Amino acid sequence: MNATRPDTQTTPVDLVTMREVVNRLLDPDAVPEALPPTGGELQTLTETVRGHLTLLVPEVEAAARKLKSDSVHRSTVLGCVWEACSRLETQPSPRFGGAPGYARRLARTLNALCNHYETLNGTTR
């Protein structure tokens, strides 16, 4: 086990499930018969991503804070954590693609946090 493993983990982090939701929002064309999510499904996926972010943000932040304070990696990860928190505070806007655009932005942020979590904890996909 890597020494940077976060001490805050209280719930198992299921990266496989998180990535499945991300893929559903970001790559509906990967399955030809799949349609992009709309309506109730989009709302459910958005809330699911928000929940995953809420779980993953403190885990990634705790692990990043264990890195050296002058580490570029630490700064990059904490920047991603800041972005995730900022995205969680916003709402969908017609100017930026409405609900689907908001869901995709959340999904991209979750994907980045999953990547950072793996790197910080020495795990691979």
Protein backbone atom coordinates (compact mmCIF):
# COMPACT_ATOMS: atom_id res chain seq x y z
CA MET A 1 0.00 0.00 0.00
CA ASN A 2 1.31 3.45 -0.92
CA ALA A 3 2.27 5.82 1.91
CA THR A 4 0.09 8.55 0.38
CA ARG A 5 -3.11 6.60 0.91
CA PRO A 6 -5.65 8.97 2.45
CA ASP A 7 -6.56 8.48 6.11
CA THR A 8 -10.00 10.01 5.56
CA GLN A 9 -11.46 7.12 3.63
CA THR A 10 -14.65 5.97 5.31
CA THR A 11 -16.46 4.55 2.31
CA PRO A 12 -14.83 2.33 -0.31
CA VAL A 13 -14.07 4.26 -3.47
CA ASP A 14 -15.51 2.35 -6.43
CA LEU A 15 -13.61 3.79 -9.39
CA VAL A 16 -15.13 1.26 -11.78
CA THR A 17 -18.65 2.49 -11.06
CA MET A 18 -17.54 6.11 -11.17
CA ARG A 19 -15.96 5.61 -14.58
CA GLU A 20 -19.06 3.84 -15.90
CA VAL A 21 -21.14 6.91 -15.06
CA VAL A 22 -18.51 9.18 -16.59
CA ASN A 23 -18.51 7.11 -19.77
CA ARG A 24 -22.30 7.18 -19.96
CA LEU A 25 -22.22 10.97 -19.95
CA LEU A 26 -19.14 11.54 -22.09
CA ASP A 27 -19.21 8.71 -24.62
CA PRO A 28 -22.73 7.64 -25.59
CA ASP A 29 -21.46 7.06 -29.13
CA ALA A 30 -19.29 4.17 -27.94
CA VAL A 31 -22.40 1.97 -28.05
CA PRO A 32 -24.18 2.58 -31.37
CA GLU A 33 -27.68 1.80 -30.05
CA ALA A 34 -27.27 4.09 -27.02
CA LEU A 35 -28.79 7.53 -27.04
CA PRO A 36 -27.39 10.44 -25.03
CA PRO A 37 -29.14 10.63 -21.66
CA THR A 38 -32.05 13.04 -21.40
CA GLY A 39 -34.76 13.99 -18.89
CA GLY A 40 -34.95 11.84 -15.82
CA GLU A 41 -31.95 9.73 -16.74
CA LEU A 42 -29.79 12.83 -17.19
CA GLN A 43 -30.92 14.16 -13.81
CA THR A 44 -30.15 10.81 -12.15
CA LEU A 45 -26.71 10.61 -13.75
CA THR A 46 -25.95 14.21 -12.77
CA GLU A 47 -26.89 13.57 -9.14
CA THR A 48 -24.86 10.36 -9.18
CA VAL A 49 -21.78 12.23 -10.43
CA ARG A 50 -22.33 14.92 -7.79
CA GLY A 51 -22.44 12.20 -5.12
CA HIS A 52 -19.27 10.58 -6.44
CA LEU A 53 -17.52 13.95 -6.42
CA THR A 54 -18.63 14.60 -2.86
CA LEU A 55 -17.12 11.26 -1.85
CA LEU A 56 -13.91 11.55 -3.86
CA VAL A 57 -12.93 15.20 -3.27
CA PRO A 58 -11.88 14.77 0.40
CA GLU A 59 -10.02 11.54 -0.42
CA VAL A 60 -7.99 13.12 -3.20
CA GLU A 61 -7.41 16.32 -1.25
CA ALA A 62 -6.12 14.43 1.80
CA ALA A 63 -3.73 12.39 -0.33
CA ALA A 64 -2.49 15.49 -2.20
CA ARG A 65 -1.80 17.35 1.04
CA LYS A 66 0.63 14.58 2.01
CA LEU A 67 2.84 15.50 -0.95
CA LYS A 68 5.65 18.02 -0.50
CA SER A 69 4.29 21.56 -0.32
CA ASP A 70 6.40 22.68 -3.29
CA SER A 71 5.36 19.72 -5.45
CA VAL A 72 3.92 20.55 -8.87
CA HIS A 73 1.84 17.37 -8.64
CA ARG A 74 0.34 18.58 -5.36
CA SER A 75 -0.57 21.94 -6.91
CA THR A 76 -2.12 20.27 -9.94
CA VAL A 77 -4.22 17.90 -7.85
CA LEU A 78 -5.36 20.64 -5.47
CA GLY A 79 -6.32 22.71 -8.51
CA CYS A 80 -8.50 19.84 -9.68
CA VAL A 81 -10.03 19.58 -6.19
CA TRP A 82 -10.78 23.32 -6.31
CA GLU A 83 -12.40 22.91 -9.73
CA ALA A 84 -14.55 20.04 -8.46
CA CYS A 85 -15.74 22.10 -5.48
CA SER A 86 -16.48 25.04 -7.76
CA ARG A 87 -18.47 22.85 -10.17
CA LEU A 88 -20.49 21.45 -7.28
CA GLU A 89 -21.47 24.98 -6.28
CA THR A 90 -22.76 25.92 -9.74
CA GLN A 91 -26.00 25.08 -11.53
CA PRO A 92 -26.77 24.30 -15.17
CA SER A 93 -26.78 27.34 -17.43
CA PRO A 94 -28.30 27.68 -20.92
CA ARG A 95 -25.19 29.65 -21.85
CA PHE A 96 -23.00 26.58 -21.27
CA GLY A 97 -25.12 23.78 -22.72
CA GLY A 98 -27.83 23.58 -20.07
CA ALA A 99 -28.26 20.40 -18.06
CA PRO A 100 -26.35 18.14 -20.51
CA GLY A 101 -23.38 20.54 -20.58
CA TYR A 102 -23.36 20.77 -16.80
CA ALA A 103 -23.46 16.98 -16.47
CA ARG A 104 -20.56 16.60 -18.93
CA ARG A 105 -18.46 19.18 -17.06
CA LEU A 106 -19.08 17.33 -13.79
CA ALA A 107 -18.21 14.02 -15.48
CA ARG A 108 -14.91 15.38 -16.87
CA THR A 109 -14.01 16.64 -13.39
CA LEU A 110 -14.89 13.28 -11.82
CA ASN A 111 -12.77 11.50 -14.43
CA ALA A 112 -9.79 13.73 -13.60
CA LEU A 113 -10.23 13.09 -9.87
CA CYS A 114 -10.38 9.32 -10.51
CA ASN A 115 -7.08 9.60 -12.40
CA HIS A 116 -5.50 11.57 -9.56
CA TYR A 117 -6.84 9.12 -6.97
CA GLU A 118 -5.24 6.23 -8.85
CA THR A 119 -1.94 8.04 -9.18
CA LEU A 120 -1.82 9.13 -5.56
CA ASN A 121 -2.71 5.68 -4.28
CA GLY A 122 -0.51 3.69 -6.67
CA THR A 123 -3.40 1.87 -8.29
CA THR A 124 -4.04 1.33 -11.99
CA ARG A 125 -7.10 0.99 -14.16
